[in-house]
Protein backbone atom coordinates (compact mmCIF):
# COMPACT_ATOMS: atom_id res chain seq x y z
CA MET A 1 0.00 0.00 0.00
CA ARG A 2 1.28 3.44 -0.90
CA ARG A 3 1.44 6.13 1.78
CA TRP A 4 0.78 9.81 1.13
CA CYS A 5 2.27 12.62 3.18
CA SER A 6 -0.22 14.54 5.19
CA ARG A 7 0.05 18.24 5.80
CA ARG A 8 1.77 17.58 9.13
CA LYS A 9 5.01 17.17 7.22
CA TYR A 10 4.86 20.74 5.99
CA LYS A 11 5.87 23.58 8.29
CA ILE A 12 3.65 26.60 8.42
CA GLN A 13 5.56 29.35 6.67
CA ASN A 14 4.38 32.91 6.49
CA ASP A 15 5.95 33.46 3.07
CA MET A 16 3.77 30.81 1.38
CA LYS A 17 0.91 31.81 -0.89
CA TYR A 18 -2.18 29.71 -1.65
CA VAL A 19 -3.94 30.13 -4.98
CA ILE A 20 -6.75 28.54 -6.96
CA THR A 21 -7.06 28.98 -10.70
CA ASP A 22 -10.30 28.13 -12.46
CA SER A 23 -11.04 27.68 -16.13
CA ILE A 24 -13.47 25.98 -18.46
CA GLY A 25 -11.94 23.51 -20.90
CA ASP A 26 -12.87 23.32 -24.57
CA ASN A 27 -15.28 20.52 -23.73
CA GLY A 28 -17.08 22.66 -21.11
CA VAL A 29 -15.53 20.84 -18.14
CA THR A 30 -14.40 22.96 -15.19
CA LEU A 31 -10.70 22.81 -14.32
CA ASN A 32 -9.54 23.85 -10.84
CA PHE A 33 -5.89 23.98 -9.88
CA TYR A 34 -4.89 24.57 -6.26
CA TYR A 35 -1.35 25.72 -5.56
CA GLU A 36 0.91 26.19 -2.58
CA LEU A 37 3.58 28.63 -3.79
CA ASP A 38 6.84 29.72 -2.21
CA GLU A 39 8.18 33.27 -2.12
CA ASN A 40 9.31 32.93 -5.76
CA ASP A 41 5.88 31.66 -6.93
CA LEU A 42 7.30 28.17 -7.43
CA GLU A 43 4.91 25.32 -6.77
CA CYS A 44 5.49 23.36 -3.57
CA ARG A 45 2.24 21.40 -3.75
CA LYS A 46 -0.45 21.24 -6.42
CA ILE A 47 -3.92 19.70 -6.74
CA GLU A 48 -5.69 19.26 -10.09
CA ILE A 49 -9.48 18.87 -10.06
CA VAL A 50 -11.34 18.25 -13.33
CA GLY A 51 -15.11 18.24 -13.49
CA GLY A 52 -15.30 17.89 -9.71
CA GLY A 53 -13.08 14.79 -9.62
CA ILE A 54 -9.41 14.49 -8.69
CA LEU A 55 -7.15 14.39 -11.70
CA GLY A 56 -3.96 14.33 -9.64
CA PHE A 57 -1.84 15.99 -7.00
CA ALA A 58 1.83 16.42 -6.27
CA SER A 59 4.47 17.80 -3.97
CA LYS A 60 8.20 18.09 -4.42
CA GLU A 61 8.49 14.57 -2.96
CA PHE A 62 5.85 12.64 -4.91
CA SER A 63 3.23 12.74 -7.63
CA PHE A 64 -0.14 11.04 -8.10
CA ARG A 65 -1.62 10.25 -11.51
CA GLY A 66 1.15 12.03 -13.38
CA THR A 67 0.66 15.45 -11.80
CA GLU A 68 3.97 17.15 -11.06
CA VAL A 69 4.97 20.48 -9.58
CA SER A 70 6.38 22.90 -12.12
CA LYS A 71 10.00 24.00 -12.09
CA THR A 72 8.99 27.46 -13.35
CA PRO A 73 7.05 30.14 -11.47
CA LEU A 74 3.27 30.25 -11.80
CA LEU A 75 2.02 33.04 -14.05
CA SER A 76 1.03 36.20 -12.21
CA LYS A 77 -2.54 36.98 -11.23
CA GLU A 78 -2.74 39.56 -14.02
CA GLU A 79 -1.40 37.15 -16.65
CA ILE A 80 -3.82 34.37 -15.69
CA ASN A 81 -6.82 36.68 -15.41
CA ASN A 82 -6.04 38.05 -18.89
CA ILE A 83 -6.44 34.58 -20.41
CA PRO A 84 -10.09 34.34 -21.54
CA GLY A 85 -12.10 32.04 -19.25
CA HIS A 86 -9.40 31.83 -16.56
CA THR A 87 -9.44 33.24 -13.02
CA TYR A 88 -6.81 33.45 -10.30
CA ARG A 89 -7.63 34.07 -6.68
CA LEU A 90 -5.86 33.82 -3.37
CA ILE A 91 -7.26 31.35 -0.86
CA SER A 92 -6.44 30.68 2.77
CA GLN A 93 -3.92 28.10 3.90
CA GLU A 94 -6.80 26.37 5.69
CA GLU A 95 -8.76 26.04 2.43
CA PHE A 96 -5.74 24.55 0.68
CA GLU A 97 -4.97 22.18 3.57
CA SER A 98 -8.57 21.01 3.69
CA MET A 99 -8.46 20.14 -0.02
CA TRP A 100 -5.02 18.52 0.37
CA ASP A 101 -6.27 16.30 3.20
CA MET A 102 -9.33 15.33 1.14
CA VAL A 103 -7.32 14.27 -1.92
CA ILE A 104 -4.96 12.21 0.22
CA VAL A 105 -7.92 10.35 1.76
CA VAL A 106 -9.49 9.74 -1.66
CA ALA A 107 -6.19 8.59 -3.17
CA SER A 108 -5.55 6.26 -0.21
CA GLN A 109 -9.01 4.72 -0.59
CA LYS A 110 -8.57 4.24 -4.34
CA ASN A 111 -5.16 2.70 -3.73
CA LYS A 112 -6.73 0.04 -1.48
CA GLU A 113 -9.17 -1.01 -4.22
């Protein structure tokens, strides 16, 4: 059985930023990407939700379903919001952590099947 890191492994750091980007794909399916970003806007953890279901998630230590953290900074709020159909908004650390915990539980359950 595979084990996923919980948020307890991650120290609370005041310089982290938590972001969600939303868009509608060509097929009309909603895409939501949750990010934990460092002070350079590099991804530390990422969650990909497609049509309300988990596509994948990743940290610097592991990936699930092919999702990986990027080695380049996330586009700025202005750049993302200027892409038609895309939105960028800051979220709380608690909102990110709640989603992170949920995807770990779901992935652990699916891994047992």
